[in-house]
Amino acid sequence: MAKFLLEVSYTAQGAQGLLKDGGTKRRAVASAAIAGVGGTVEAFYYAFGENDVIVIADVPDNQSAVALSLALAASGAVTSKTTVLLSPEDIDAAVRKSLSYTPPGR
């Protein structure tokens, strides 16, 4: 499974829903949505600042992450940013790959 960071901000409509439903219900809804694409929630936090919610989720693949992102965007209740998270082992595997690259202008 791939790991993703979701940074979510409520629109006015979304904030009204949060006021109505409360934080634990919204966490349950988010967990169900992620489970719907075959994933699980590792961490779910509310936050101050630019983002209202921070989620770390394990999702099977990029297509599942895109499906989740599209569902969030289509709701109109939130805006979100999704970032692929890489483990130190992922980086170790990447640096062992050999490739040839010539920078522009050389």
N, C-alpha and C. Protein backbone atom coordinates (compact mmCIF):
# COMPACT_ATOMS: atom_id res chain seq x y z
N MET A 1 0.84 -1.19 0.00
CA MET A 1 0.00 0.00 0.00
C MET A 1 0.88 1.24 0.00
N ALA A 2 0.40 2.25 -0.66
CA ALA A 2 1.10 3.53 -0.67
C ALA A 2 0.57 4.41 0.45
N LYS A 3 1.40 5.28 0.92
CA LYS A 3 1.02 6.17 2.02
C LYS A 3 0.86 7.58 1.47
N PHE A 4 -0.22 8.25 1.89
CA PHE A 4 -0.53 9.60 1.41
C PHE A 4 -0.83 10.53 2.57
N LEU A 5 -0.45 11.79 2.39
CA LEU A 5 -0.81 12.87 3.31
C LEU A 5 -1.92 13.66 2.65
N LEU A 6 -3.05 13.80 3.34
CA LEU A 6 -4.15 14.62 2.84
C LEU A 6 -4.26 15.85 3.74
N GLU A 7 -4.15 17.01 3.13
CA GLU A 7 -4.30 18.28 3.83
C GLU A 7 -5.64 18.86 3.37
N VAL A 8 -6.58 18.99 4.30
CA VAL A 8 -7.96 19.34 3.96
C VAL A 8 -8.33 20.66 4.63
N SER A 9 -9.03 21.50 3.89
CA SER A 9 -9.56 22.75 4.43
C SER A 9 -11.06 22.80 4.15
N TYR A 10 -11.82 23.19 5.15
CA TYR A 10 -13.27 23.29 4.99
C TYR A 10 -13.65 24.56 4.25
N THR A 11 -14.64 24.45 3.37
CA THR A 11 -15.29 25.63 2.81
C THR A 11 -16.32 26.07 3.84
N ALA A 12 -17.02 27.16 3.59
CA ALA A 12 -18.07 27.60 4.52
C ALA A 12 -19.11 26.49 4.69
N GLN A 13 -19.47 25.84 3.58
CA GLN A 13 -20.44 24.74 3.63
C GLN A 13 -19.90 23.60 4.50
N GLY A 14 -18.64 23.26 4.33
CA GLY A 14 -18.03 22.20 5.11
C GLY A 14 -17.96 22.54 6.59
N ALA A 15 -17.63 23.79 6.91
CA ALA A 15 -17.57 24.21 8.31
C ALA A 15 -18.95 24.12 8.96
N GLN A 16 -20.00 24.44 8.20
CA GLN A 16 -21.36 24.31 8.73
C GLN A 16 -21.67 22.85 9.04
N GLY A 17 -21.23 21.95 8.16
CA GLY A 17 -21.42 20.52 8.40
C GLY A 17 -20.65 20.05 9.62
N LEU A 18 -19.43 20.54 9.80
CA LEU A 18 -18.63 20.19 10.98
C LEU A 18 -19.32 20.66 12.25
N LEU A 19 -19.85 21.89 12.23
CA LEU A 19 -20.56 22.40 13.40
C LEU A 19 -21.78 21.53 13.72
N LYS A 20 -22.44 21.04 12.69
CA LYS A 20 -23.63 20.20 12.88
C LYS A 20 -23.27 18.79 13.35
N ASP A 21 -22.27 18.18 12.68
CA ASP A 21 -21.95 16.78 12.92
C ASP A 21 -20.96 16.54 14.05
N GLY A 22 -20.05 17.47 14.27
CA GLY A 22 -18.98 17.26 15.25
C GLY A 22 -17.78 16.57 14.63
N GLY A 23 -16.69 16.61 15.35
CA GLY A 23 -15.41 16.10 14.84
C GLY A 23 -15.34 14.60 14.70
N THR A 24 -15.88 13.85 15.66
CA THR A 24 -15.75 12.39 15.59
C THR A 24 -16.57 11.82 14.44
N LYS A 25 -17.73 12.39 14.16
CA LYS A 25 -18.52 11.90 13.03
C LYS A 25 -17.80 12.15 11.71
N ARG A 26 -17.18 13.34 11.56
CA ARG A 26 -16.45 13.64 10.33
C ARG A 26 -15.26 12.70 10.19
N ARG A 27 -14.60 12.36 11.29
CA ARG A 27 -13.49 11.39 11.23
C ARG A 27 -14.01 10.03 10.76
N ALA A 28 -15.16 9.61 11.28
CA ALA A 28 -15.74 8.33 10.87
C ALA A 28 -16.10 8.34 9.38
N VAL A 29 -16.65 9.46 8.90
CA VAL A 29 -16.99 9.57 7.48
C VAL A 29 -15.73 9.51 6.62
N ALA A 30 -14.68 10.20 7.04
CA ALA A 30 -13.42 10.17 6.29
C ALA A 30 -12.83 8.76 6.28
N SER A 31 -12.87 8.10 7.41
CA SER A 31 -12.36 6.73 7.49
C SER A 31 -13.14 5.79 6.57
N ALA A 32 -14.47 5.97 6.52
CA ALA A 32 -15.30 5.14 5.65
C ALA A 32 -15.00 5.42 4.18
N ALA A 33 -14.78 6.69 3.83
CA ALA A 33 -14.45 7.03 2.45
C ALA A 33 -13.13 6.39 2.04
N ILE A 34 -12.15 6.46 2.91
CA ILE A 34 -10.84 5.86 2.62
C ILE A 34 -10.95 4.34 2.55
N ALA A 35 -11.74 3.76 3.43
CA ALA A 35 -11.98 2.31 3.38
C ALA A 35 -12.69 1.92 2.08
N GLY A 36 -13.51 2.83 1.56
CA GLY A 36 -14.23 2.58 0.32
C GLY A 36 -13.34 2.40 -0.89
N VAL A 37 -12.13 2.93 -0.83
CA VAL A 37 -11.17 2.71 -1.92
C VAL A 37 -10.13 1.66 -1.52
N GLY A 38 -10.40 0.94 -0.43
CA GLY A 38 -9.51 -0.13 0.01
C GLY A 38 -8.40 0.31 0.93
N GLY A 39 -8.51 1.52 1.50
CA GLY A 39 -7.45 2.05 2.34
C GLY A 39 -7.80 2.07 3.81
N THR A 40 -6.85 2.54 4.61
CA THR A 40 -7.04 2.70 6.05
C THR A 40 -6.44 4.04 6.50
N VAL A 41 -6.97 4.56 7.59
CA VAL A 41 -6.46 5.80 8.16
C VAL A 41 -5.41 5.46 9.21
N GLU A 42 -4.23 6.03 9.05
CA GLU A 42 -3.18 5.86 10.06
C GLU A 42 -3.30 6.94 11.12
N ALA A 43 -3.60 8.18 10.69
CA ALA A 43 -3.71 9.30 11.63
C ALA A 43 -4.73 10.30 11.07
N PHE A 44 -5.48 10.91 11.98
CA PHE A 44 -6.48 11.92 11.61
C PHE A 44 -6.43 12.99 12.70
N TYR A 45 -6.10 14.21 12.30
CA TYR A 45 -6.01 15.31 13.26
C TYR A 45 -6.67 16.56 12.71
N TYR A 46 -7.32 17.30 13.59
CA TYR A 46 -7.76 18.66 13.26
C TYR A 46 -6.60 19.59 13.56
N ALA A 47 -6.54 20.72 12.86
CA ALA A 47 -5.39 21.61 12.99
C ALA A 47 -5.83 23.07 12.89
N PHE A 48 -5.02 23.94 13.44
CA PHE A 48 -5.16 25.38 13.25
C PHE A 48 -4.34 25.77 12.03
N GLY A 49 -4.67 26.89 11.42
CA GLY A 49 -3.83 27.40 10.35
C GLY A 49 -4.42 27.16 8.98
N GLU A 50 -3.54 26.98 8.01
CA GLU A 50 -3.95 26.86 6.61
C GLU A 50 -4.85 25.64 6.37
N ASN A 51 -4.58 24.54 7.08
CA ASN A 51 -5.37 23.32 6.91
C ASN A 51 -6.19 23.06 8.16
N ASP A 52 -7.40 22.54 7.95
CA ASP A 52 -8.28 22.22 9.06
C ASP A 52 -8.14 20.77 9.50
N VAL A 53 -7.77 19.90 8.59
CA VAL A 53 -7.63 18.47 8.87
C VAL A 53 -6.37 17.95 8.20
N ILE A 54 -5.65 17.09 8.92
CA ILE A 54 -4.48 16.40 8.39
C ILE A 54 -4.75 14.91 8.54
N VAL A 55 -4.62 14.18 7.44
CA VAL A 55 -4.85 12.74 7.46
C VAL A 55 -3.65 12.05 6.82
N ILE A 56 -3.19 10.99 7.45
CA ILE A 56 -2.21 10.10 6.84
C ILE A 56 -2.96 8.80 6.60
N ALA A 57 -2.96 8.35 5.34
CA ALA A 57 -3.72 7.17 4.97
C ALA A 57 -2.89 6.22 4.13
N ASP A 58 -3.16 4.93 4.32
CA ASP A 58 -2.60 3.91 3.45
C ASP A 58 -3.67 3.60 2.41
N VAL A 59 -3.32 3.75 1.14
CA VAL A 59 -4.25 3.56 0.03
C VAL A 59 -3.58 2.63 -0.97
N PRO A 60 -4.36 1.73 -1.61
CA PRO A 60 -3.74 0.72 -2.46
C PRO A 60 -2.88 1.25 -3.60
N ASP A 61 -3.30 2.36 -4.25
CA ASP A 61 -2.57 2.80 -5.43
C ASP A 61 -2.95 4.25 -5.75
N ASN A 62 -2.27 4.81 -6.75
CA ASN A 62 -2.52 6.20 -7.15
C ASN A 62 -3.95 6.41 -7.63
N GLN A 63 -4.50 5.44 -8.37
CA GLN A 63 -5.86 5.59 -8.88
C GLN A 63 -6.86 5.71 -7.74
N SER A 64 -6.66 4.95 -6.68
CA SER A 64 -7.54 5.02 -5.51
C SER A 64 -7.41 6.38 -4.83
N ALA A 65 -6.18 6.90 -4.76
CA ALA A 65 -5.97 8.21 -4.16
C ALA A 65 -6.65 9.30 -4.99
N VAL A 66 -6.58 9.17 -6.32
CA VAL A 66 -7.25 10.15 -7.20
C VAL A 66 -8.76 10.06 -7.03
N ALA A 67 -9.31 8.86 -6.94
CA ALA A 67 -10.75 8.70 -6.73
C ALA A 67 -11.19 9.40 -5.45
N LEU A 68 -10.41 9.24 -4.40
CA LEU A 68 -10.70 9.89 -3.13
C LEU A 68 -10.62 11.41 -3.27
N SER A 69 -9.57 11.89 -3.92
CA SER A 69 -9.39 13.33 -4.12
C SER A 69 -10.53 13.93 -4.93
N LEU A 70 -10.96 13.23 -5.97
CA LEU A 70 -12.07 13.73 -6.79
C LEU A 70 -13.38 13.77 -6.00
N ALA A 71 -13.61 12.77 -5.17
CA ALA A 71 -14.82 12.76 -4.35
C ALA A 71 -14.83 13.94 -3.38
N LEU A 72 -13.68 14.24 -2.79
CA LEU A 72 -13.59 15.39 -1.88
C LEU A 72 -13.86 16.69 -2.63
N ALA A 73 -13.23 16.84 -3.79
CA ALA A 73 -13.39 18.07 -4.57
C ALA A 73 -14.83 18.24 -5.03
N ALA A 74 -15.45 17.16 -5.48
CA ALA A 74 -16.81 17.23 -5.99
C ALA A 74 -17.83 17.57 -4.92
N SER A 75 -17.49 17.31 -3.66
CA SER A 75 -18.43 17.60 -2.57
C SER A 75 -18.69 19.09 -2.40
N GLY A 76 -17.71 19.91 -2.75
CA GLY A 76 -17.82 21.34 -2.53
C GLY A 76 -17.66 21.76 -1.08
N ALA A 77 -17.51 20.78 -0.19
CA ALA A 77 -17.42 21.08 1.24
C ALA A 77 -15.98 21.28 1.72
N VAL A 78 -15.02 20.83 0.89
CA VAL A 78 -13.62 20.95 1.29
C VAL A 78 -12.76 21.22 0.06
N THR A 79 -11.57 21.73 0.31
CA THR A 79 -10.50 21.72 -0.66
C THR A 79 -9.42 20.83 -0.07
N SER A 80 -8.64 20.20 -0.92
CA SER A 80 -7.63 19.29 -0.38
C SER A 80 -6.39 19.26 -1.25
N LYS A 81 -5.33 18.82 -0.64
CA LYS A 81 -4.05 18.60 -1.33
C LYS A 81 -3.59 17.21 -0.90
N THR A 82 -3.19 16.40 -1.86
CA THR A 82 -2.74 15.05 -1.58
C THR A 82 -1.26 14.93 -1.94
N THR A 83 -0.47 14.41 -1.02
CA THR A 83 0.96 14.24 -1.22
C THR A 83 1.33 12.79 -0.99
N VAL A 84 2.09 12.21 -1.94
CA VAL A 84 2.60 10.85 -1.76
C VAL A 84 3.71 10.90 -0.73
N LEU A 85 3.66 10.00 0.23
CA LEU A 85 4.70 9.91 1.25
C LEU A 85 5.61 8.72 0.95
N LEU A 86 6.90 8.92 1.10
CA LEU A 86 7.89 7.88 0.82
C LEU A 86 8.65 7.53 2.09
N SER A 87 8.88 6.25 2.29
CA SER A 87 9.65 5.80 3.45
C SER A 87 11.14 5.95 3.18
N PRO A 88 11.95 5.91 4.22
CA PRO A 88 13.40 5.91 4.00
C PRO A 88 13.84 4.73 3.12
N GLU A 89 13.16 3.60 3.23
CA GLU A 89 13.48 2.44 2.41
C GLU A 89 13.15 2.70 0.93
N ASP A 90 12.07 3.45 0.68
CA ASP A 90 11.75 3.84 -0.70
C ASP A 90 12.89 4.67 -1.29
N ILE A 91 13.41 5.58 -0.51
CA ILE A 91 14.51 6.42 -0.98
C ILE A 91 15.76 5.58 -1.21
N ASP A 92 16.04 4.65 -0.28
CA ASP A 92 17.19 3.76 -0.47
C ASP A 92 17.08 3.01 -1.79
N ALA A 93 15.89 2.50 -2.12
CA ALA A 93 15.70 1.77 -3.38
C ALA A 93 15.88 2.71 -4.57
N ALA A 94 15.43 3.94 -4.44
CA ALA A 94 15.55 4.90 -5.55
C ALA A 94 17.01 5.26 -5.82
N VAL A 95 17.79 5.47 -4.77
CA VAL A 95 19.18 5.89 -4.99
C VAL A 95 20.04 4.74 -5.53
N ARG A 96 19.57 3.50 -5.39
CA ARG A 96 20.31 2.36 -5.95
C ARG A 96 20.07 2.21 -7.45
N LYS A 97 19.09 2.89 -7.98
CA LYS A 97 18.80 2.81 -9.43
C LYS A 97 19.83 3.68 -10.17
N SER A 98 20.33 3.13 -11.24
CA SER A 98 21.34 3.83 -12.02
C SER A 98 20.68 4.40 -13.27
N LEU A 99 21.00 5.66 -13.57
CA LEU A 99 20.47 6.26 -14.78
C LEU A 99 21.45 7.29 -15.29
N SER A 100 21.26 7.64 -16.55
CA SER A 100 22.10 8.65 -17.16
C SER A 100 21.25 9.89 -17.39
N TYR A 101 21.80 11.05 -17.01
CA TYR A 101 21.07 12.31 -17.16
C TYR A 101 22.05 13.41 -17.52
N THR A 102 21.68 14.21 -18.51
CA THR A 102 22.48 15.36 -18.88
C THR A 102 21.66 16.62 -18.59
N PRO A 103 22.15 17.50 -17.70
CA PRO A 103 21.40 18.72 -17.40
C PRO A 103 21.27 19.63 -18.62
N PRO A 104 20.28 20.47 -18.66
CA PRO A 104 20.12 21.40 -19.79
C PRO A 104 21.39 22.26 -19.95
N GLY A 105 21.77 22.52 -21.20
CA GLY A 105 22.90 23.40 -21.47
C GLY A 105 24.25 22.72 -21.42
N ARG A 106 24.32 21.45 -21.23
CA ARG A 106 25.62 20.77 -21.16
C ARG A 106 25.81 19.81 -22.29
